[in-house]
């Protein structure tokens, strides 16, 4: 997989998580621990995207 394709995949996953977090946050019975877990996963993806773009 090329670097560009890898970064594109990471960005898509990041965006998907953002959408999922938004949907959960707007749900009245949302599980806050699940939202926190998703936010942490989103931050890890952001770090991976930054790493990939800075090192190459």
Protein backbone atom coordinates (compact mmCIF):
# COMPACT_ATOMS: atom_id res chain seq x y z
CA UNK A 1 0.00 0.00 0.00
CA UNK A 2 1.39 3.39 -0.93
CA UNK A 3 1.80 6.08 1.71
CA UNK A 4 -0.90 8.18 0.06
CA UNK A 5 -3.35 5.27 0.10
CA UNK A 6 -2.49 4.53 3.73
CA UNK A 7 -3.08 8.14 4.79
CA UNK A 8 -6.35 8.23 2.82
CA UNK A 9 -7.52 5.08 4.61
CA UNK A 10 -6.60 6.53 8.00
CA UNK A 11 -8.44 9.77 7.20
CA UNK A 12 -11.54 7.84 6.16
CA UNK A 13 -11.48 5.86 9.40
CA UNK A 14 -11.01 9.11 11.35
CA UNK A 15 -14.00 10.65 9.59
CA UNK A 16 -16.11 7.53 10.19
CA UNK A 17 -15.30 7.68 13.90
CA UNK A 18 -16.18 11.38 13.98
CA UNK A 19 -19.59 10.58 12.46
CA UNK A 20 -20.15 7.73 14.89
CA UNK A 21 -19.22 9.90 17.88
CA UNK A 22 -21.55 12.64 16.68
CA UNK A 23 -24.46 10.22 16.29
CA UNK A 24 -23.88 8.74 19.74
CA UNK A 25 -23.50 12.14 21.39
CA UNK A 26 -26.88 13.20 20.00
CA UNK A 27 -28.59 10.06 21.24
CA UNK A 28 -30.35 10.56 24.60
CA UNK A 29 -29.25 7.23 26.05
CA UNK A 30 -25.68 7.33 24.76
CA UNK A 31 -23.08 5.37 26.70
CA UNK A 32 -20.48 7.95 27.71
CA UNK A 33 -17.76 5.35 28.18
CA UNK A 34 -18.26 4.21 24.59
CA UNK A 35 -18.00 7.81 23.39
CA UNK A 36 -14.77 8.27 25.36
CA UNK A 37 -13.35 5.06 23.88
CA UNK A 38 -14.21 6.21 20.35
CA UNK A 39 -12.67 9.63 20.96
CA UNK A 40 -9.44 8.01 22.14
CA UNK A 41 -9.39 5.80 19.04
CA UNK A 42 -9.97 8.90 16.89
CA UNK A 43 -7.04 10.67 18.55
CA UNK A 44 -4.77 7.67 17.93
CA UNK A 45 -5.76 7.75 14.26
CA UNK A 46 -5.00 11.47 14.12
CA UNK A 47 -1.55 10.78 15.57
CA UNK A 48 -0.94 8.05 12.99
CA UNK A 49 -1.99 10.41 10.18
CA UNK A 50 0.38 13.11 11.44
CA UNK A 51 3.21 10.60 11.84
CA UNK A 52 2.72 9.27 8.34
CA UNK A 53 2.64 12.70 6.74
CA UNK A 54 5.57 14.10 8.71
CA UNK A 55 7.97 11.20 8.33
CA UNK A 56 7.58 10.83 4.57
